[in-house]
Amino acid sequence: MKATVIILISLLFFIVCENNKNEEIKLLSFKQRLSMLSDSVQVEGITIKNLFKSQILAHQEDGTFDEKMIIEKVYRPHKALWTECYAMIFGEENAHNFNTEKGMVNWNKELYLENKDFFEERAEILLNINLDSLFENDLKCFNKLLPYKVKSTISIAFSPILGIHFGGCSDDQFVFELNSDQDFEYLIKQGIPHELNHLAYEPLRENDPQGDTALRQTIDEGLACYFTWVFFDDKITKHEAVENMTKEEWNWYIKNEKQLFEQTKKYFNDESGDNPLLRNNKFKLFEQAPKSLNYWLGFRIVEMYVEKHGKDSWKDIYELDVQDVLKRSNYENYIQKLK
């Protein structure tokens, strides 16, 4: 009895202290709270770098700009992202902005001032969702759930030129662009497991005969969506796991499932990228599709595979050639039985 009382008192003391701590944090200024955020979070081989923190804090309260902070806290910590990925993607005319210290300093000096309210609004959202804890919990869960180890470096940053959104050029050159117009909160809360799954799956496609086809990209995206649904332990719906669809959008796909499959299967072997599976908005027959067709179709193929082979059988898909996944899912037979 005495021990129980001591435990209860200790628990109450802890709760009171935590509440007081949270109240004290709320009284701090925006930049004081931002400075308390970790520069990075690392779990096993995955590191997430909060570069946006220093992109804002480099602008001092007295109006001066800390160039050294940009170089040492934004540029050098993820130099490969800037000098290899951004400099390559955005061409020679823009390369100097990313592969030189002077270029990085110049655009960081102006970009925040031009977008101050918007950037601080985005950063405030991240602070309110307790970003450090979110990342640490996500990475621990990811490493525990996935049967393959992943090494990756992902930066959370503002960019002067949008185009990557959430992705990168290699496993050590990933970025989430905070000024992207995509569904920001959805991506930061649910997008990381999806993107990390690509890093686990895609290296295993090197010997896949159809590794460069539309079918591979369909299975790739479908598995990433399915993994996201498993990752959150059914706390999100299947339609939310697929590009944050609404129930109505999901039902549209179900209603048109037979026609969609029969009209797109002829493109499975296409390697051009110019096909309705990957660019459904450019093909009249599929332009009504509310989201990316290959995400949804890939999810359905993986879902059928799991229904046929068992709850944890999605883990088999990492090692199977994509044509074998389609065949063993029995999805085409299912489609043929639909009216």
Protein backbone atom coordinates (compact mmCIF):
# COMPACT_ATOMS: atom_id res chain seq x y z
CA MET A 1 0.00 0.00 0.00
CA LYS A 2 2.79 2.40 0.95
CA ALA A 3 4.65 1.64 -2.27
CA THR A 4 1.49 2.34 -4.29
CA VAL A 5 1.04 5.72 -2.61
CA ILE A 6 4.67 6.63 -3.35
CA ILE A 7 4.21 5.68 -7.02
CA LEU A 8 1.04 7.76 -7.28
CA ILE A 9 2.71 10.77 -5.67
CA SER A 10 5.67 10.43 -8.01
CA LEU A 11 3.35 10.17 -11.01
CA LEU A 12 1.39 13.26 -9.96
CA PHE A 13 4.63 15.16 -9.39
CA PHE A 14 5.83 14.20 -12.87
CA ILE A 15 2.55 15.31 -14.47
CA VAL A 16 2.60 18.64 -12.64
CA CYS A 17 6.22 19.24 -13.66
CA GLU A 18 5.48 18.41 -17.29
CA ASN A 19 2.45 20.70 -17.30
CA ASN A 20 4.49 23.51 -15.77
CA LYS A 21 7.25 22.91 -18.31
CA ASN A 22 4.75 23.06 -21.19
CA GLU A 23 3.26 26.29 -19.85
CA GLU A 24 6.73 27.82 -19.54
CA ILE A 25 7.54 26.86 -23.14
CA LYS A 26 4.33 28.50 -24.36
CA LEU A 27 5.49 31.80 -22.83
CA LEU A 28 8.72 31.78 -24.83
CA SER A 29 8.99 33.68 -28.09
CA PHE A 30 8.74 31.91 -31.43
CA LYS A 31 12.50 32.04 -32.04
CA GLN A 32 13.27 30.90 -28.49
CA ARG A 33 11.09 27.82 -28.99
CA LEU A 34 12.60 27.24 -32.43
CA SER A 35 16.12 27.33 -30.97
CA MET A 36 15.13 24.48 -28.61
CA LEU A 37 14.40 22.19 -31.58
CA SER A 38 17.14 19.65 -32.30
CA ASP A 39 19.37 20.24 -35.32
CA SER A 40 18.75 16.61 -36.27
CA VAL A 41 17.18 13.35 -35.13
CA GLN A 42 18.93 10.05 -35.83
CA VAL A 43 17.70 6.50 -35.29
CA GLU A 44 19.97 3.73 -36.56
CA GLY A 45 20.86 4.56 -40.18
CA ILE A 46 18.27 7.29 -40.78
CA THR A 47 18.90 10.95 -40.01
CA ILE A 48 16.39 13.79 -40.34
CA LYS A 49 17.93 17.27 -40.33
CA ASN A 50 15.90 20.32 -39.31
CA LEU A 51 17.71 22.74 -41.61
CA PHE A 52 14.74 25.13 -41.64
CA LYS A 53 15.53 25.96 -38.03
CA SER A 54 18.79 27.70 -38.90
CA GLN A 55 17.35 29.17 -42.11
CA ILE A 56 15.08 31.23 -39.86
CA LEU A 57 17.36 31.77 -36.85
CA ALA A 58 20.14 33.15 -39.07
CA HIS A 59 18.00 36.27 -39.23
CA GLN A 60 18.87 37.88 -35.90
CA GLU A 61 16.51 39.90 -33.71
CA ASP A 62 18.67 43.00 -34.24
CA GLY A 63 18.19 42.78 -38.01
CA THR A 64 21.61 41.32 -38.83
CA PHE A 65 22.11 38.13 -40.82
CA ASP A 66 24.35 35.31 -39.61
CA GLU A 67 26.05 34.05 -42.77
CA LYS A 68 28.19 31.62 -40.78
CA MET A 69 25.06 29.88 -39.47
CA ILE A 70 23.83 29.25 -43.03
CA ILE A 71 27.18 27.78 -44.05
CA GLU A 72 27.70 25.63 -40.94
CA LYS A 73 24.10 24.69 -40.08
CA VAL A 74 22.35 24.56 -43.48
CA TYR A 75 24.92 24.05 -46.23
CA ARG A 76 27.60 21.77 -44.78
CA PRO A 77 25.39 19.36 -42.77
CA HIS A 78 23.76 18.13 -45.99
CA LYS A 79 26.15 19.34 -48.65
CA ALA A 80 25.39 16.46 -51.04
CA LEU A 81 21.75 17.55 -51.24
CA TRP A 82 22.66 21.06 -52.32
CA THR A 83 25.75 20.51 -54.48
CA GLU A 84 24.75 17.25 -56.17
CA CYS A 85 20.95 17.05 -56.17
CA TYR A 86 19.70 20.64 -56.36
CA ALA A 87 22.59 21.85 -58.53
CA MET A 88 21.94 19.01 -60.99
CA ILE A 89 18.13 19.18 -61.10
CA PHE A 90 17.85 22.92 -61.60
CA GLY A 91 20.56 23.24 -64.23
CA GLU A 92 23.78 25.13 -64.81
CA GLU A 93 22.13 28.56 -64.65
CA ASN A 94 21.05 27.86 -61.05
CA ALA A 95 23.89 25.59 -59.87
CA HIS A 96 25.85 28.44 -58.27
CA ASN A 97 23.00 28.96 -55.79
CA PHE A 98 23.62 25.50 -54.36
CA ASN A 99 27.21 24.44 -54.95
CA THR A 100 28.89 27.51 -53.47
CA GLU A 101 28.78 28.96 -49.98
CA LYS A 102 28.21 32.45 -51.39
CA GLY A 103 25.24 31.28 -53.43
CA MET A 104 23.64 29.55 -50.42
CA VAL A 105 24.11 32.65 -48.28
CA ASN A 106 22.63 34.97 -50.92
CA TRP A 107 19.33 33.22 -51.43
CA ASN A 108 18.87 32.38 -47.75
CA LYS A 109 19.37 36.04 -46.92
CA GLU A 110 16.48 37.08 -49.15
CA LEU A 111 14.07 34.13 -49.16
CA TYR A 112 13.03 34.32 -45.51
CA LEU A 113 12.51 38.09 -45.60
CA GLU A 114 10.31 37.76 -48.68
CA ASN A 115 8.19 35.00 -47.09
CA LYS A 116 8.53 35.74 -43.37
CA ASP A 117 4.90 35.27 -42.28
CA PHE A 118 4.42 32.12 -44.35
CA PHE A 119 7.70 30.52 -43.24
CA GLU A 120 7.02 31.25 -39.57
CA GLU A 121 3.51 29.85 -39.91
CA ARG A 122 4.93 26.59 -41.28
CA ALA A 123 7.58 26.43 -38.56
CA GLU A 124 4.96 27.12 -35.88
CA ILE A 125 2.95 24.12 -37.03
CA LEU A 126 6.04 21.92 -36.75
CA LEU A 127 6.77 23.18 -33.25
CA ASN A 128 3.19 22.54 -32.16
CA ILE A 129 3.27 18.91 -33.28
CA ASN A 130 6.46 18.26 -31.24
CA LEU A 131 8.60 17.50 -34.24
CA ASP A 132 11.53 15.84 -32.44
CA SER A 133 9.27 13.27 -30.74
CA LEU A 134 7.31 12.67 -33.94
CA PHE A 135 10.44 11.91 -35.94
CA GLU A 136 12.02 9.76 -33.24
CA ASN A 137 8.88 7.66 -32.78
CA ASP A 138 8.37 7.31 -36.55
CA LEU A 139 11.93 6.16 -37.17
CA LYS A 140 11.89 3.64 -34.31
CA CYS A 141 8.62 2.18 -35.57
CA PHE A 142 9.87 2.13 -39.17
CA ASN A 143 13.07 0.26 -38.27
CA LYS A 144 11.15 -2.23 -36.16
CA LEU A 145 8.49 -2.91 -38.78
CA LEU A 146 10.49 -3.09 -41.98
CA PRO A 147 12.46 -6.28 -42.72
CA TYR A 148 15.24 -4.29 -44.44
CA LYS A 149 17.60 -1.71 -43.00
CA VAL A 150 17.60 1.70 -44.62
CA LYS A 151 20.31 4.34 -44.59
CA SER A 152 19.12 7.80 -45.48
CA THR A 153 19.55 11.50 -44.79
CA ILE A 154 16.44 13.65 -45.08
CA SER A 155 16.42 17.42 -44.65
CA ILE A 156 13.42 19.56 -43.73
CA ALA A 157 14.15 22.85 -45.46
CA PHE A 158 12.94 25.87 -47.40
CA SER A 159 13.97 25.99 -51.04
CA PRO A 160 14.29 28.95 -53.45
CA ILE A 161 13.16 26.76 -56.36
CA LEU A 162 10.38 24.23 -55.89
CA GLY A 163 10.38 20.94 -57.74
CA ILE A 164 11.40 18.13 -55.42
CA HIS A 165 8.57 18.61 -52.89
CA PHE A 166 9.29 15.40 -50.95
CA GLY A 167 11.97 13.22 -52.50
CA GLY A 168 15.53 13.37 -53.72
CA CYS A 169 18.29 12.08 -55.95
CA SER A 170 19.61 9.27 -53.75
CA ASP A 171 19.19 7.86 -50.26
CA ASP A 172 21.55 10.49 -48.80
CA GLN A 173 19.99 13.39 -50.74
CA PHE A 174 16.37 13.53 -49.62
CA VAL A 175 14.46 16.69 -48.77
CA PHE A 176 11.01 17.81 -47.69
CA GLU A 177 10.47 21.32 -49.06
CA LEU A 178 8.52 23.24 -46.44
CA ASN A 179 7.36 25.87 -48.93
CA SER A 180 5.85 23.22 -51.20
CA ASP A 181 2.16 23.70 -51.99
CA GLN A 182 1.39 20.05 -51.27
CA ASP A 183 -0.68 18.93 -48.27
CA PHE A 184 1.88 20.05 -45.70
CA GLU A 185 0.57 18.57 -42.44
CA TYR A 186 -0.41 15.28 -44.08
CA LEU A 187 3.07 14.86 -45.56
CA ILE A 188 4.97 15.69 -42.39
CA LYS A 189 2.80 13.39 -40.27
CA GLN A 190 2.26 10.52 -42.70
CA GLY A 191 4.58 11.03 -45.66
CA ILE A 192 7.87 9.98 -44.08
CA PRO A 193 7.02 6.24 -43.79
CA HIS A 194 5.86 6.32 -47.42
CA GLU A 195 9.07 7.90 -48.70
CA LEU A 196 11.36 5.75 -46.57
CA ASN A 197 9.64 2.67 -47.94
CA HIS A 198 10.77 3.70 -51.43
CA LEU A 199 14.34 3.74 -50.15
CA ALA A 200 13.93 0.19 -48.87
CA TYR A 201 12.18 -1.17 -51.97
CA GLU A 202 13.82 0.49 -54.97
CA PRO A 203 17.41 -0.79 -54.51
CA LEU A 204 16.00 -4.33 -54.64
CA ARG A 205 14.67 -3.74 -58.17
CA GLU A 206 18.10 -3.70 -59.82
CA ASN A 207 17.71 -7.25 -61.16
CA ASP A 208 13.98 -7.05 -61.83
CA PRO A 209 13.33 -7.58 -65.60
CA GLN A 210 10.61 -4.94 -65.39
CA GLY A 211 12.44 -2.60 -63.04
CA ASP A 212 12.02 0.40 -65.35
CA THR A 213 8.40 -0.13 -66.29
CA ALA A 214 5.13 1.49 -65.34
CA LEU A 215 4.19 -1.73 -63.53
CA ARG A 216 7.25 -1.37 -61.27
CA GLN A 217 6.31 2.22 -60.44
CA THR A 218 2.74 1.12 -59.77
CA ILE A 219 3.79 -1.65 -57.37
CA ASP A 220 6.38 0.68 -55.83
CA GLU A 221 3.84 3.38 -54.99
CA GLY A 222 1.18 0.88 -54.02
CA LEU A 223 3.50 -0.87 -51.57
CA ALA A 224 4.54 2.49 -50.07
CA CYS A 225 0.87 3.36 -49.53
CA TYR A 226 0.09 -0.07 -48.09
CA PHE A 227 3.12 0.12 -45.80
CA THR A 228 1.88 3.51 -44.56
CA TRP A 229 -1.48 1.96 -43.70
CA VAL A 230 0.25 -0.88 -41.81
CA PHE A 231 2.66 1.57 -40.18
CA PHE A 232 -0.18 3.48 -38.54
CA ASP A 233 -1.74 0.22 -37.39
CA ASP A 234 -5.11 0.83 -39.05
CA LYS A 235 -5.44 4.22 -37.27
CA ILE A 236 -5.86 5.77 -40.70
CA THR A 237 -8.18 4.46 -43.39
CA LYS A 238 -7.01 2.83 -46.58
CA HIS A 239 -8.13 5.80 -48.63
CA GLU A 240 -6.16 8.18 -46.39
CA ALA A 241 -3.05 6.03 -46.90
CA VAL A 242 -3.37 6.53 -50.66
CA GLU A 243 -2.56 10.21 -51.20
CA ASN A 244 -4.98 11.22 -48.46
CA MET A 245 -7.99 10.40 -50.60
CA THR A 246 -11.51 11.07 -49.45
CA LYS A 247 -14.00 8.23 -49.14
CA GLU A 248 -15.82 9.59 -52.19
CA GLU A 249 -12.64 9.53 -54.27
CA TRP A 250 -11.91 5.97 -53.18
CA ASN A 251 -15.44 4.93 -54.15
CA TRP A 252 -14.97 6.47 -57.59
CA TYR A 253 -12.04 4.15 -58.17
CA ILE A 254 -13.93 1.12 -56.88
CA LYS A 255 -16.86 1.93 -59.17
CA ASN A 256 -14.55 2.16 -62.21
CA GLU A 257 -12.06 -0.53 -61.16
CA LYS A 258 -12.72 -3.02 -63.94
CA GLN A 259 -12.50 -0.45 -66.73
CA LEU A 260 -9.40 1.18 -65.24
CA PHE A 261 -7.48 -2.07 -65.06
CA GLU A 262 -8.52 -3.34 -68.48
CA GLN A 263 -7.61 -0.04 -70.13
CA THR A 264 -4.24 0.39 -68.40
CA LYS A 265 -2.75 -3.14 -68.28
CA LYS A 266 -1.46 -2.73 -71.84
CA TYR A 267 0.84 0.01 -70.51
CA PHE A 268 2.41 -2.11 -67.76
CA ASN A 269 5.56 -2.72 -69.80
CA ASP A 270 5.92 0.90 -70.93
CA GLU A 271 9.21 2.53 -69.95
CA SER A 272 8.63 5.97 -71.44
CA GLY A 273 6.71 7.38 -68.49
CA ASP A 274 4.18 8.84 -70.93
CA ASN A 275 1.24 6.58 -70.13
CA PRO A 276 -2.06 6.92 -68.24
CA LEU A 277 -0.83 4.94 -65.25
CA LEU A 278 1.71 7.62 -64.42
CA ARG A 279 0.14 10.66 -66.09
CA ASN A 280 -3.59 10.01 -65.96
CA ASN A 281 -4.40 13.73 -66.16
CA LYS A 282 -2.98 13.83 -69.70
CA PHE A 283 -5.18 11.04 -71.07
CA LYS A 284 -8.83 11.85 -71.72
CA LEU A 285 -10.18 8.46 -70.66
CA PHE A 286 -8.62 8.80 -67.21
CA GLU A 287 -8.65 12.54 -66.59
CA GLN A 288 -11.55 12.17 -64.15
CA ALA A 289 -9.40 10.05 -61.82
CA PRO A 290 -9.29 12.10 -58.59
CA LYS A 291 -5.76 11.13 -57.57
CA SER A 292 -2.69 9.39 -59.03
CA LEU A 293 -3.98 6.25 -60.71
CA ASN A 294 -0.86 4.16 -60.15
CA TYR A 295 -0.91 4.78 -56.37
CA TRP A 296 -4.43 3.43 -56.06
CA LEU A 297 -4.01 0.55 -58.50
CA GLY A 298 -0.74 -0.49 -56.87
CA PHE A 299 -2.40 -0.43 -53.46
CA ARG A 300 -5.20 -2.69 -54.72
CA ILE A 301 -2.72 -5.19 -56.17
CA VAL A 302 -0.77 -5.31 -52.90
CA GLU A 303 -4.00 -5.53 -50.93
CA MET A 304 -5.14 -8.51 -53.02
CA TYR A 305 -1.74 -10.16 -52.59
CA VAL A 306 -2.04 -9.91 -48.81
CA GLU A 307 -5.62 -11.20 -48.82
CA LYS A 308 -4.42 -14.27 -50.70
CA HIS A 309 -1.15 -14.94 -48.86
CA GLY A 310 -1.68 -13.73 -45.30
CA LYS A 311 -1.44 -10.67 -43.06
CA ASP A 312 2.34 -10.24 -43.08
CA SER A 313 2.87 -11.38 -46.67
CA TRP A 314 3.37 -7.77 -47.83
CA LYS A 315 6.96 -8.28 -46.68
CA ASP A 316 7.41 -10.84 -49.49
CA ILE A 317 6.92 -8.14 -52.11
CA TYR A 318 10.30 -6.52 -51.49
CA GLU A 319 12.05 -9.56 -52.96
CA LEU A 320 9.57 -10.50 -55.70
CA ASP A 321 9.79 -9.28 -59.30
CA VAL A 322 6.85 -6.99 -60.00
CA GLN A 323 5.33 -9.33 -62.57
CA ASP A 324 5.31 -12.09 -59.95
CA VAL A 325 3.56 -9.77 -57.50
CA LEU A 326 0.81 -9.08 -60.03
CA LYS A 327 0.45 -12.75 -60.95
CA ARG A 328 0.45 -14.05 -57.38
CA SER A 329 -1.99 -11.39 -56.24
CA ASN A 330 -4.68 -12.98 -58.42
CA TYR A 331 -5.87 -9.42 -59.08
CA GLU A 332 -6.53 -9.94 -62.78
CA ASN A 333 -8.75 -12.94 -62.04
CA TYR A 334 -10.62 -10.81 -59.53
CA ILE A 335 -11.13 -8.13 -62.18
CA GLN A 336 -12.47 -10.63 -64.71
CA LYS A 337 -15.22 -11.65 -62.29
CA LEU A 338 -16.45 -8.08 -61.87
CA LYS A 339 -19.49 -7.03 -63.88
